[in-house]
Amino acid sequence: MTIDGATRKKRYYDQLVFKARSEELAFIHSHEVRRHLSNIMGIIGLIKDADDRQTEFESSVSYLIASADNLDNAIRHISEKLDI
């Protein structure tokens, strides 16, 4: 195989890997990050619109913390993928 052929194959392989990683990151972003962010925004909306915000906050804080932790994990997962 010539150097040009090997270079072309390597470039093609690199493009395939890049495309696969990009698609995986897009999937993680749309299904993980957005889901957890939507949960947080929904919980905040419930608290904001509640007649008794303190009571609503107290009953929702564990869900808010769980969603924030899940969002943090999703972002860390993306960061790990980017470092590969």
C-alpha atoms as a PDB file:
ATOM      1  CA  MET A   1       0.000   0.000   0.000  1.00  0.00           C
ATOM      2  CA  THR A   2       1.284   3.437  -0.858  1.00  0.00           C
ATOM      3  CA  ILE A   3       1.691   6.198   1.663  1.00  0.00           C
ATOM      4  CA  ASP A   4      -1.137   8.093  -0.041  1.00  0.00           C
ATOM      5  CA  GLY A   5      -3.417   5.077   0.286  1.00  0.00           C
ATOM      6  CA  ALA A   6      -2.533   4.575   3.944  1.00  0.00           C
ATOM      7  CA  THR A   7      -3.017   8.280   4.654  1.00  0.00           C
ATOM      8  CA  ARG A   8      -6.386   8.281   2.914  1.00  0.00           C
ATOM      9  CA  LYS A   9      -7.534   5.221   4.854  1.00  0.00           C
ATOM     10  CA  LYS A  10      -6.391   6.753   8.139  1.00  0.00           C
ATOM     11  CA  ARG A  11      -8.158  10.017   7.344  1.00  0.00           C
ATOM     12  CA  TYR A  12     -11.331   8.115   6.421  1.00  0.00           C
ATOM     13  CA  TYR A  13     -11.140   6.083   9.653  1.00  0.00           C
ATOM     14  CA  ASP A  14     -10.594   9.248  11.694  1.00  0.00           C
ATOM     15  CA  GLN A  15     -13.645  10.840  10.052  1.00  0.00           C
ATOM     16  CA  LEU A  16     -15.772   7.792  10.897  1.00  0.00           C
ATOM     17  CA  VAL A  17     -14.612   7.857  14.523  1.00  0.00           C
ATOM     18  CA  PHE A  18     -15.254  11.606  14.752  1.00  0.00           C
ATOM     19  CA  LYS A  19     -18.745  11.202  13.310  1.00  0.00           C
ATOM     20  CA  ALA A  20     -19.576   8.336  15.692  1.00  0.00           C
ATOM     21  CA  ARG A  21     -18.331  10.297  18.722  1.00  0.00           C
ATOM     22  CA  SER A  22     -20.236  13.397  17.594  1.00  0.00           C
ATOM     23  CA  GLU A  23     -23.449  11.393  17.254  1.00  0.00           C
ATOM     24  CA  GLU A  24     -22.928   9.792  20.665  1.00  0.00           C
ATOM     25  CA  LEU A  25     -22.327  13.170  22.313  1.00  0.00           C
ATOM     26  CA  ALA A  26     -25.387  14.639  20.588  1.00  0.00           C
ATOM     27  CA  PHE A  27     -27.470  11.741  21.909  1.00  0.00           C
ATOM     28  CA  ILE A  28     -26.126  12.174  25.446  1.00  0.00           C
ATOM     29  CA  HIS A  29     -26.785  15.905  25.256  1.00  0.00           C
ATOM     30  CA  SER A  30     -30.332  15.595  23.985  1.00  0.00           C
ATOM     31  CA  HIS A  31     -31.395  12.701  26.190  1.00  0.00           C
ATOM     32  CA  GLU A  32     -29.405  13.154  29.375  1.00  0.00           C
ATOM     33  CA  VAL A  33     -28.428  16.776  29.861  1.00  0.00           C
ATOM     34  CA  ARG A  34     -31.686  18.223  28.552  1.00  0.00           C
ATOM     35  CA  ARG A  35     -33.781  15.741  30.565  1.00  0.00           C
ATOM     36  CA  HIS A  36     -32.163  16.640  33.860  1.00  0.00           C
ATOM     37  CA  LEU A  37     -32.197  20.359  33.102  1.00  0.00           C
ATOM     38  CA  SER A  38     -35.902  20.132  32.225  1.00  0.00           C
ATOM     39  CA  ASN A  39     -36.563  18.362  35.520  1.00  0.00           C
ATOM     40  CA  ILE A  40     -34.759  21.104  37.456  1.00  0.00           C
ATOM     41  CA  MET A  41     -36.624  23.831  35.591  1.00  0.00           C
ATOM     42  CA  GLY A  42     -39.935  22.086  36.217  1.00  0.00           C
ATOM     43  CA  ILE A  43     -39.257  21.753  39.938  1.00  0.00           C
ATOM     44  CA  ILE A  44     -38.248  25.398  40.162  1.00  0.00           C
ATOM     45  CA  GLY A  45     -41.446  26.336  38.320  1.00  0.00           C
ATOM     46  CA  LEU A  46     -43.522  24.389  40.835  1.00  0.00           C
ATOM     47  CA  ILE A  47     -41.806  26.129  43.731  1.00  0.00           C
ATOM     48  CA  LYS A  48     -42.099  29.540  42.119  1.00  0.00           C
ATOM     49  CA  ASP A  49     -45.832  29.149  41.396  1.00  0.00           C
ATOM     50  CA  ALA A  50     -46.738  27.575  44.756  1.00  0.00           C
ATOM     51  CA  ASP A  51     -48.900  29.426  47.248  1.00  0.00           C
ATOM     52  CA  ASP A  52     -46.575  28.292  50.026  1.00  0.00           C
ATOM     53  CA  ARG A  53     -43.116  28.334  48.467  1.00  0.00           C
ATOM     54  CA  GLN A  54     -41.345  27.188  51.618  1.00  0.00           C
ATOM     55  CA  THR A  55     -43.505  24.075  51.971  1.00  0.00           C
ATOM     56  CA  GLU A  56     -43.210  23.309  48.257  1.00  0.00           C
ATOM     57  CA  PHE A  57     -39.438  23.766  48.417  1.00  0.00           C
ATOM     58  CA  GLU A  58     -39.153  21.464  51.417  1.00  0.00           C
ATOM     59  CA  SER A  59     -41.169  18.760  49.670  1.00  0.00           C
ATOM     60  CA  SER A  60     -39.241  19.174  46.395  1.00  0.00           C
ATOM     61  CA  VAL A  61     -35.669  19.715  47.549  1.00  0.00           C
ATOM     62  CA  SER A  62     -34.726  16.024  47.397  1.00  0.00           C
ATOM     63  CA  TYR A  63     -35.933  15.843  43.769  1.00  0.00           C
ATOM     64  CA  LEU A  64     -34.046  19.023  42.960  1.00  0.00           C
ATOM     65  CA  ILE A  65     -30.836  17.652  44.467  1.00  0.00           C
ATOM     66  CA  ALA A  66     -31.245  14.318  42.654  1.00  0.00           C
ATOM     67  CA  SER A  67     -31.802  16.054  39.316  1.00  0.00           C
ATOM     68  CA  ALA A  68     -28.801  18.334  39.880  1.00  0.00           C
ATOM     69  CA  ASP A  69     -26.632  15.302  40.718  1.00  0.00           C
ATOM     70  CA  ASN A  70     -27.865  13.512  37.585  1.00  0.00           C
ATOM     71  CA  LEU A  71     -27.125  16.601  35.483  1.00  0.00           C
ATOM     72  CA  ASP A  72     -23.633  16.776  36.974  1.00  0.00           C
ATOM     73  CA  ASN A  73     -23.061  13.095  36.135  1.00  0.00           C
ATOM     74  CA  ALA A  74     -24.265  13.605  32.565  1.00  0.00           C
ATOM     75  CA  ILE A  75     -21.886  16.546  32.114  1.00  0.00           C
ATOM     76  CA  ARG A  76     -19.014  14.520  33.583  1.00  0.00           C
ATOM     77  CA  HIS A  77     -19.861  11.692  31.156  1.00  0.00           C
ATOM     78  CA  ILE A  78     -19.630  14.098  28.234  1.00  0.00           C
ATOM     79  CA  SER A  79     -16.326  15.467  29.554  1.00  0.00           C
ATOM     80  CA  GLU A  80     -14.943  11.927  29.788  1.00  0.00           C
ATOM     81  CA  LYS A  81     -15.998  11.272  26.191  1.00  0.00           C
ATOM     82  CA  LEU A  82     -14.296  14.457  25.036  1.00  0.00           C
ATOM     83  CA  ASP A  83     -11.046  13.497  26.775  1.00  0.00           C
ATOM     84  CA  ILE A  84     -10.764  10.143  25.001  1.00  0.00           C
END
